[in-house]
Amino acid sequence: MSSRRNFLETFGAGSLTLAAVSNVGGSARAQQPPGAEILGAEGVKTSAKSAKVWKPISDRKIRVGIIGYGVCQFGAAFGFQDHPNVTITAVSDLFPDRCAGLAKACRCDKTYPSLEELVKDDSIEAVFIATDAPSHARHAIEALKHGKHVASAVPAVFGSLDEAHALYEAVKASGLTYMMFETSAFHEDLHAMRQAYRAGAFGKLVYTEGEYYHHSVEQIPSYREWRVGLPPQWYPTHATAYYVAVTGGSFTEVTCKAMPSVMKKFQPGANKYGNPFGTEIALLRTSEGGVARMGVSWDTFVPGSETGRIYGQRGFMTGLSYQGEEKSLPDLARPALPPEVASGGHGGSHGYLTDEFVSAILENRRPLVDVASALNMTVAGVVAHQSALQDGESLKIPQFA
């Protein structure tokens, strides 16, 4: 159950015309979370919090359980323990030493040896699942069955269309809040793109690009070595968010070309996925009728990249710079955060994801990355890998609404 999350992050390239972005420098480097030395400084790159003033929507505290404290200690990285509307009721990790570390980081005394035990605690209202990627869907479904709202690390499902349908039905049947914590969704540039899109500043999107490039010659430790030979498009959401989290739409069909990796872990028989590819580049039809290119690569020699660009009928946006016909843009800045909650890593997205999940529960509304958006981001990659194995055959993608 322990999570070894891939933290690698480069925040949006492009001209910063909306707000200043603070890079991780000498003073910030000392604030890097454990595990950063494995994943590199880009893994915890952050940005400035919004200057807006946060106003509480409720004085209620949601009782939350946190599950997973792997190599990057992800369970404590999103600031649940600091949110004024949250009480950490209990924590869990399969490894006793990590469970104790998570309890200390979350300032919580109650621990459980597994998720399966934690979700039986009727005092817990919601859980954050930061476990290994292959277990996300199974763990989310188990928590939903026990009446818990669920926040999950990415991806929503791991290479399985059957799991996708099972998770969708479980959320639908439960009536509870489910949110996938896709960090790109609250990158400063993507949030600005979303606000401008909702205001009609782009019209329909004609072409979208997204990429998640993480060069990893050395094997990052992982529970049961789930990262060894990982098909790139099984972990697509840092890229696919640059369409789905901007528009709320989906991808309808895909053709994907791939390049075999030279790394040993991708050689025949070297991984349990039978996957030879270190790079997979997908060309997708969007639900608006446009086209998107979404690339995921473990081979590309860059320190790390999670970014994208959008091009519409009325304007386009790269980084935080909008150019187009719209002369009166709405407020593009990210919302306010509670003073106690840091913006955190992955482009300063962590705190915003937590606040969105908590607010959605308190307001009894759908969160930004609900189950439909989570699956539309994830499943496109699952089908893209199938296409890559068939040398780019065009395949239809299941739709979730």
Protein backbone atom coordinates (compact mmCIF):
# COMPACT_ATOMS: atom_id res chain seq x y z
CA MET A 1 0.00 0.00 0.00
CA SER A 2 2.94 2.31 0.45
CA SER A 3 3.19 4.85 -2.34
CA ARG A 4 6.35 5.70 -4.24
CA ARG A 5 4.92 8.57 -6.19
CA ASN A 6 6.69 10.10 -9.14
CA PHE A 7 6.98 13.72 -8.09
CA LEU A 8 8.83 15.03 -11.14
CA GLU A 9 7.60 18.43 -12.20
CA THR A 10 8.49 21.29 -14.44
CA PHE A 11 5.99 24.09 -14.21
CA GLY A 12 4.60 25.65 -17.38
CA ALA A 13 6.99 27.22 -19.86
CA GLY A 14 6.07 30.46 -21.52
CA SER A 15 5.89 34.14 -20.71
CA LEU A 16 4.57 34.88 -17.24
CA THR A 17 2.20 37.72 -17.95
CA LEU A 18 -0.30 36.88 -15.22
CA ALA A 19 1.82 36.64 -12.06
CA ALA A 20 5.34 36.08 -10.91
CA VAL A 21 6.37 32.49 -10.37
CA SER A 22 8.95 31.76 -7.72
CA ASN A 23 11.47 29.11 -8.70
CA VAL A 24 12.94 26.64 -6.27
CA GLY A 25 16.18 28.30 -5.26
CA GLY A 26 18.66 28.12 -2.43
CA SER A 27 16.25 28.93 0.41
CA ALA A 28 13.39 26.85 -0.96
CA ARG A 29 15.67 23.90 -1.55
CA ALA A 30 15.93 23.39 2.20
CA GLN A 31 12.14 22.96 2.31
CA GLN A 32 12.08 20.05 -0.12
CA PRO A 33 10.18 17.03 1.21
CA PRO A 34 11.88 13.69 1.82
CA GLY A 35 12.44 11.78 -1.41
CA ALA A 36 13.29 14.91 -3.41
CA GLU A 37 16.93 13.86 -3.59
CA ILE A 38 15.75 10.78 -5.52
CA LEU A 39 13.45 12.63 -7.90
CA GLY A 40 15.39 15.89 -8.26
CA ALA A 41 14.63 19.52 -7.48
CA GLU A 42 12.03 19.75 -10.26
CA GLY A 43 9.93 17.22 -8.37
CA VAL A 44 9.00 19.77 -5.75
CA LYS A 45 9.02 22.91 -7.87
CA THR A 46 6.37 25.27 -6.59
CA SER A 47 4.89 28.68 -7.34
CA ALA A 48 3.57 31.59 -5.36
CA LYS A 49 0.20 31.35 -3.62
CA SER A 50 -2.61 33.53 -4.83
CA ALA A 51 -2.67 36.97 -3.23
CA LYS A 52 -6.44 36.66 -2.82
CA VAL A 53 -7.89 36.53 0.68
CA TRP A 54 -9.42 33.19 1.68
CA LYS A 55 -12.89 33.25 3.21
CA PRO A 56 -14.14 30.13 5.01
CA ILE A 57 -17.34 28.58 3.70
CA SER A 58 -17.99 26.58 6.86
CA ASP A 59 -16.61 26.04 10.34
CA ARG A 60 -17.12 22.27 10.08
CA LYS A 61 -14.11 19.98 10.23
CA ILE A 62 -14.15 16.91 7.97
CA ARG A 63 -12.67 13.81 9.60
CA VAL A 64 -10.06 12.46 7.17
CA GLY A 65 -7.94 9.31 7.00
CA ILE A 66 -4.62 9.36 5.12
CA ILE A 67 -3.26 6.20 3.49
CA GLY A 68 0.25 5.81 2.06
CA TYR A 69 3.69 7.18 2.97
CA GLY A 70 6.19 5.87 0.45
CA VAL A 71 9.54 7.08 -0.84
CA CYS A 72 8.28 10.64 -1.42
CA GLN A 73 6.07 10.56 1.69
CA PHE A 74 3.17 11.63 -0.49
CA GLY A 75 0.44 11.11 2.12
CA ALA A 76 1.55 14.21 4.03
CA ALA A 77 2.53 16.31 1.00
CA PHE A 78 -0.85 17.87 0.18
CA GLY A 79 -1.50 19.75 3.41
CA PHE A 80 -4.61 17.97 4.71
CA GLN A 81 -3.12 18.23 8.21
CA ASP A 82 -2.95 22.03 7.87
CA HIS A 83 -6.39 22.71 6.40
CA PRO A 84 -8.71 24.52 8.87
CA ASN A 85 -11.68 22.39 7.77
CA VAL A 86 -9.92 19.06 8.31
CA THR A 87 -9.13 16.85 11.27
CA ILE A 88 -6.81 13.93 10.55
CA THR A 89 -8.53 11.09 12.39
CA ALA A 90 -6.23 8.21 11.46
CA VAL A 91 -3.41 7.21 9.10
CA SER A 92 -2.20 3.96 7.60
CA ASP A 93 0.70 2.37 5.77
CA LEU A 94 1.60 -1.30 5.37
CA PHE A 95 5.09 -0.66 6.75
CA PRO A 96 5.04 0.12 10.52
CA ASP A 97 7.93 2.59 10.38
CA ARG A 98 6.31 4.53 7.58
CA CYS A 99 2.95 4.44 9.32
CA ALA A 100 4.59 5.98 12.39
CA GLY A 101 6.26 8.61 10.21
CA LEU A 102 2.95 9.50 8.58
CA ALA A 103 1.25 9.80 11.95
CA LYS A 104 3.96 12.19 13.12
CA ALA A 105 3.80 14.27 9.93
CA CYS A 106 0.01 14.50 10.15
CA ARG A 107 0.01 15.15 13.90
CA CYS A 108 -2.28 12.17 14.43
CA ASP A 109 -2.19 9.49 17.14
CA LYS A 110 -4.46 6.82 15.64
CA THR A 111 -2.96 4.37 13.12
CA TYR A 112 -4.14 1.32 11.23
CA PRO A 113 -1.99 -1.39 9.61
CA SER A 114 -3.90 -1.28 6.30
CA LEU A 115 -6.45 0.64 4.29
CA GLU A 116 -8.86 -2.25 4.73
CA GLU A 117 -8.80 -1.71 8.51
CA LEU A 118 -8.87 2.07 8.36
CA VAL A 119 -12.02 2.28 6.24
CA LYS A 120 -13.93 0.28 8.86
CA ASP A 121 -13.59 3.25 11.23
CA ASP A 122 -17.03 4.86 11.15
CA SER A 123 -15.70 8.13 12.53
CA ILE A 124 -13.77 8.76 9.29
CA GLU A 125 -15.72 10.67 6.62
CA ALA A 126 -13.14 10.92 3.83
CA VAL A 127 -9.82 9.38 2.81
CA PHE A 128 -6.82 10.42 0.77
CA ILE A 129 -5.37 7.42 -1.05
CA ALA A 130 -1.65 7.83 -1.75
CA THR A 131 -0.91 4.15 -2.27
CA ASP A 132 0.78 2.36 -5.18
CA ALA A 133 -0.74 3.13 -8.59
CA PRO A 134 -1.93 -0.44 -9.34
CA SER A 135 -4.07 -0.32 -6.17
CA HIS A 136 -5.76 3.06 -6.61
CA ALA A 137 -9.03 1.85 -8.12
CA ARG A 138 -9.37 -1.14 -5.79
CA HIS A 139 -8.66 0.98 -2.75
CA ALA A 140 -11.04 3.73 -3.86
CA ILE A 141 -13.86 1.23 -4.40
CA GLU A 142 -13.23 -0.32 -0.97
CA ALA A 143 -13.38 3.08 0.70
CA LEU A 144 -16.55 4.03 -1.16
CA LYS A 145 -18.20 0.79 -0.06
CA HIS A 146 -17.54 1.85 3.52
CA GLY A 147 -19.17 5.24 3.00
CA LYS A 148 -16.05 7.39 2.62
CA HIS A 149 -15.54 10.31 0.30
CA VAL A 150 -12.38 9.59 -1.73
CA ALA A 151 -9.44 11.63 -2.93
CA SER A 152 -6.95 9.56 -4.92
CA ALA A 153 -3.48 10.11 -6.28
CA VAL A 154 -3.05 9.54 -10.03
CA PRO A 155 -3.82 7.62 -12.13
CA ALA A 156 -7.44 6.70 -11.37
CA VAL A 157 -6.98 3.19 -12.80
CA PHE A 158 -3.92 1.26 -13.85
CA GLY A 159 -4.11 -0.12 -17.37
CA SER A 160 -7.56 -1.67 -16.99
CA LEU A 161 -10.79 -0.67 -18.72
CA ASP A 162 -12.73 -3.08 -16.50
CA GLU A 163 -11.41 -1.23 -13.43
CA ALA A 164 -12.47 2.05 -14.99
CA HIS A 165 -16.07 0.93 -15.39
CA ALA A 166 -16.09 -0.60 -11.90
CA LEU A 167 -14.82 2.63 -10.31
CA TYR A 168 -17.30 4.74 -12.24
CA GLU A 169 -20.22 2.55 -11.12
CA ALA A 170 -18.99 2.51 -7.52
CA VAL A 171 -18.86 6.32 -7.36
CA LYS A 172 -22.23 6.64 -9.06
CA ALA A 173 -23.87 4.13 -6.71
CA SER A 174 -22.37 5.67 -3.59
CA GLY A 175 -23.47 9.26 -4.11
CA LEU A 176 -20.20 10.27 -2.45
CA THR A 177 -17.50 12.70 -3.55
CA TYR A 178 -14.60 11.26 -5.58
CA MET A 179 -11.70 13.37 -6.79
CA MET A 180 -8.45 12.45 -8.50
CA PHE A 181 -5.57 14.68 -7.43
CA GLU A 182 -4.21 15.51 -10.87
CA THR A 183 -1.59 18.14 -10.19
CA SER A 184 -1.62 19.67 -13.68
CA ALA A 185 -5.25 20.69 -13.10
CA PHE A 186 -4.05 23.37 -10.69
CA HIS A 187 -0.89 24.44 -12.45
CA GLU A 188 -1.02 28.21 -12.67
CA ASP A 189 -1.10 28.14 -16.48
CA LEU A 190 -3.75 25.42 -16.78
CA HIS A 191 -6.02 27.15 -14.29
CA ALA A 192 -5.72 30.33 -16.34
CA MET A 193 -6.47 28.40 -19.52
CA ARG A 194 -9.57 26.90 -17.91
CA GLN A 195 -10.88 30.29 -16.78
CA ALA A 196 -10.32 31.80 -20.22
CA TYR A 197 -11.91 28.79 -21.94
CA ARG A 198 -15.01 29.00 -19.76
CA ALA A 199 -15.30 32.68 -20.74
CA GLY A 200 -15.24 31.77 -24.44
CA ALA A 201 -11.83 33.30 -25.10
CA PHE A 202 -10.73 30.38 -27.30
CA GLY A 203 -13.97 29.22 -28.89
CA LYS A 204 -13.62 25.54 -29.61
CA LEU A 205 -10.12 24.15 -29.23
CA VAL A 206 -8.64 23.18 -32.57
CA TYR A 207 -5.39 21.67 -31.31
CA THR A 208 -4.02 20.85 -27.87
CA GLU A 209 -0.62 19.62 -26.73
CA GLY A 210 0.32 18.03 -23.45
CA GLU A 211 3.43 16.20 -22.32
CA TYR A 212 4.80 14.38 -19.36
CA TYR A 213 8.49 13.67 -19.84
CA HIS A 214 10.43 12.09 -17.00
CA HIS A 215 13.89 10.83 -17.85
CA SER A 216 14.62 8.00 -15.42
CA VAL A 217 17.68 5.88 -16.14
CA GLU A 218 17.86 4.85 -12.49
CA GLN A 219 14.94 2.80 -11.22
CA ILE A 220 12.83 4.71 -8.70
CA PRO A 221 11.90 2.39 -5.81
CA SER A 222 8.30 1.27 -5.91
CA TYR A 223 5.99 -1.08 -4.04
CA ARG A 224 6.29 -4.49 -5.68
CA GLU A 225 8.37 -2.71 -8.36
CA TRP A 226 5.28 -1.46 -10.19
CA ARG A 227 7.33 1.20 -11.99
CA VAL A 228 9.67 -1.28 -13.70
CA GLY A 229 8.79 -1.23 -17.41
CA LEU A 230 5.69 0.91 -16.83
CA PRO A 231 3.90 1.61 -20.16
CA PRO A 232 4.20 5.40 -20.50
CA GLN A 233 0.57 5.99 -21.45
CA TRP A 234 -0.66 4.14 -18.38
CA TYR A 235 0.48 7.24 -16.47
CA PRO A 236 -0.86 9.96 -18.79
CA THR A 237 -2.82 12.39 -16.68
CA HIS A 238 -0.13 15.06 -16.18
CA ALA A 239 -0.36 15.50 -19.98
CA THR A 240 -4.02 14.74 -20.77
CA ALA A 241 -5.15 17.25 -18.14
CA TYR A 242 -4.14 19.96 -20.61
CA TYR A 243 -7.30 19.16 -22.52
CA VAL A 244 -9.68 17.48 -20.08
CA ALA A 245 -9.07 19.79 -17.11
CA VAL A 246 -9.28 22.85 -19.37
CA THR A 247 -12.50 22.01 -21.18
CA GLY A 248 -14.24 19.31 -19.14
CA GLY A 249 -14.32 17.30 -22.38
CA SER A 250 -12.88 13.94 -23.35
CA PHE A 251 -10.99 12.07 -26.06
CA THR A 252 -13.03 9.89 -28.39
CA GLU A 253 -10.45 7.98 -30.43
CA VAL A 254 -6.69 7.57 -30.55
CA THR A 255 -3.77 6.43 -32.65
CA CYS A 256 -0.50 6.09 -30.80
CA LYS A 257 3.03 5.57 -32.04
CA ALA A 258 5.77 4.39 -29.72
CA MET A 259 9.53 4.00 -29.63
CA PRO A 260 11.26 1.03 -27.97
CA SER A 261 13.49 1.98 -25.07
CA VAL A 262 17.20 1.30 -24.85
CA MET A 263 16.94 0.90 -21.07
CA LYS A 264 17.33 -2.59 -19.65
CA LYS A 265 14.03 -2.55 -17.79
CA PHE A 266 12.15 -2.34 -21.10
CA GLN A 267 13.91 -5.25 -22.80
CA PRO A 268 11.97 -8.47 -23.65
CA GLY A 269 11.12 -10.33 -20.46
CA ALA A 270 12.48 -7.56 -18.22
CA ASN A 271 9.12 -6.31 -16.96
CA LYS A 272 5.78 -7.83 -16.01
CA TYR A 273 3.86 -5.70 -18.50
CA GLY A 274 5.52 -7.10 -21.61
CA ASN A 275 6.15 -3.47 -22.51
CA PRO A 276 9.09 -2.52 -24.76
CA PHE A 277 8.28 1.19 -25.02
CA GLY A 278 9.92 4.06 -23.20
CA THR A 279 8.08 6.73 -25.21
CA GLU A 280 4.48 6.81 -26.46
CA ILE A 281 3.04 9.74 -28.43
CA ALA A 282 -0.74 9.73 -28.88
CA LEU A 283 -2.79 11.64 -31.46
CA LEU A 284 -6.36 11.94 -30.21
CA ARG A 285 -9.70 13.21 -31.46
CA THR A 286 -11.38 15.44 -28.89
CA SER A 287 -15.06 15.61 -27.97
CA GLU A 288 -15.16 19.09 -29.57
CA GLY A 289 -13.99 17.62 -32.88
CA GLY A 290 -10.45 18.95 -32.54
CA VAL A 291 -7.14 17.13 -32.26
CA ALA A 292 -4.72 16.66 -29.37
CA ARG A 293 -1.19 15.35 -29.12
CA MET A 294 -0.36 13.85 -25.74
CA GLY A 295 3.11 12.47 -25.15
CA VAL A 296 4.52 10.49 -22.24
CA SER A 297 8.18 9.50 -22.18
CA TRP A 298 10.70 7.97 -19.81
CA ASP A 299 13.48 8.27 -22.42
CA THR A 300 13.43 11.93 -23.40
CA PHE A 301 16.54 13.59 -22.03
CA VAL A 302 14.99 16.50 -20.15
CA PRO A 303 14.97 17.03 -16.37
CA GLY A 304 11.20 16.71 -16.36
CA SER A 305 8.25 18.32 -18.08
CA GLU A 306 4.56 18.49 -17.24
CA THR A 307 3.12 21.18 -19.45
CA GLY A 308 0.90 21.92 -22.41
CA ARG A 309 -0.47 24.45 -24.89
CA ILE A 310 -3.92 25.12 -26.31
CA TYR A 311 -4.96 26.60 -29.65
CA GLY A 312 -8.55 27.66 -30.31
CA GLN A 313 -10.67 29.27 -32.97
CA ARG A 314 -10.50 32.65 -31.19
CA GLY A 315 -7.16 32.55 -29.41
CA PHE A 316 -4.32 30.48 -28.04
CA MET A 317 -2.36 30.18 -24.84
CA THR A 318 1.12 28.99 -23.97
CA GLY A 319 2.24 29.36 -20.40
CA LEU A 320 0.33 32.29 -18.94
CA SER A 321 0.29 34.36 -22.12
CA TYR A 322 -3.05 34.65 -23.95
CA GLN A 323 -3.19 35.97 -27.49
CA GLY A 324 -6.45 36.22 -29.37
CA GLU A 325 -9.65 38.06 -30.15
CA GLU A 326 -10.96 38.31 -26.59
CA LYS A 327 -10.22 41.76 -25.16
CA SER A 328 -11.82 41.37 -21.75
CA LEU A 329 -10.51 38.28 -19.98
CA PRO A 330 -11.93 37.14 -16.63
CA ASP A 331 -9.82 36.79 -13.50
CA LEU A 332 -7.26 34.13 -14.44
CA ALA A 333 -5.48 33.85 -11.10
CA ARG A 334 -5.88 30.77 -8.94
CA PRO A 335 -8.31 31.05 -6.00
CA ALA A 336 -7.33 31.92 -2.47
CA LEU A 337 -5.91 29.30 -0.12
CA PRO A 338 -6.30 29.11 3.65
CA PRO A 339 -3.35 30.92 5.24
CA GLU A 340 -2.21 27.69 6.91
CA VAL A 341 -2.09 25.69 3.66
CA ALA A 342 1.02 25.89 1.46
CA SER A 343 0.63 25.76 -2.31
CA GLY A 344 3.14 22.89 -2.28
CA GLY A 345 4.85 21.01 -5.08
CA HIS A 346 4.01 20.15 -8.68
CA GLY A 347 3.77 23.74 -9.79
CA GLY A 348 2.22 24.87 -6.52
CA SER A 349 -0.83 22.65 -7.03
CA HIS A 350 -0.95 20.52 -3.89
CA GLY A 351 -2.75 22.87 -1.56
CA TYR A 352 -5.27 23.85 -4.22
CA LEU A 353 -6.22 20.22 -4.83
CA THR A 354 -6.82 19.62 -1.13
CA ASP A 355 -8.89 22.78 -0.75
CA GLU A 356 -10.97 21.87 -3.81
CA PHE A 357 -11.73 18.40 -2.43
CA VAL A 358 -12.61 19.73 1.03
CA SER A 359 -14.75 22.53 -0.41
CA ALA A 360 -16.61 20.13 -2.70
CA ILE A 361 -17.60 18.00 0.30
CA LEU A 362 -18.66 21.01 2.37
CA GLU A 363 -20.67 22.49 -0.51
CA ASN A 364 -22.08 19.12 -1.64
CA ARG A 365 -20.96 19.65 -5.24
CA ARG A 366 -18.84 17.88 -7.82
CA PRO A 367 -15.12 18.55 -7.49
CA LEU A 368 -13.06 19.81 -10.39
CA VAL A 369 -11.52 16.43 -11.25
CA ASP A 370 -14.54 14.24 -10.57
CA VAL A 371 -14.76 10.57 -11.53
CA ALA A 372 -15.76 11.31 -15.14
CA SER A 373 -12.87 13.71 -15.71
CA ALA A 374 -10.47 11.41 -13.87
CA LEU A 375 -11.38 8.47 -16.08
CA ASN A 376 -11.44 10.54 -19.28
CA MET A 377 -7.86 11.62 -18.50
CA THR A 378 -6.70 8.12 -17.58
CA VAL A 379 -8.53 5.75 -19.93
CA ALA A 380 -7.37 7.62 -23.04
CA GLY A 381 -3.85 6.54 -22.12
CA VAL A 382 -4.85 2.93 -21.50
CA VAL A 383 -6.32 2.73 -25.00
CA ALA A 384 -3.36 4.67 -26.44
CA HIS A 385 -0.99 1.95 -25.19
CA GLN A 386 -3.18 -0.66 -26.85
CA SER A 387 -2.88 1.32 -30.08
CA ALA A 388 0.90 1.53 -29.71
CA LEU A 389 1.11 -2.25 -29.36
CA GLN A 390 -0.80 -2.44 -32.66
CA ASP A 391 1.55 0.00 -34.41
CA GLY A 392 -0.82 2.93 -34.24
CA GLU A 393 -4.16 1.35 -35.10
CA SER A 394 -6.98 3.83 -34.55
CA LEU A 395 -9.09 2.79 -31.55
CA LYS A 396 -12.25 4.15 -29.94
CA ILE A 397 -12.05 5.36 -26.35
CA PRO A 398 -14.83 4.63 -23.79
CA GLN A 399 -16.63 7.76 -22.62
CA PHE A 400 -17.51 8.76 -19.06
CA ALA A 401 -19.96 11.56 -18.34
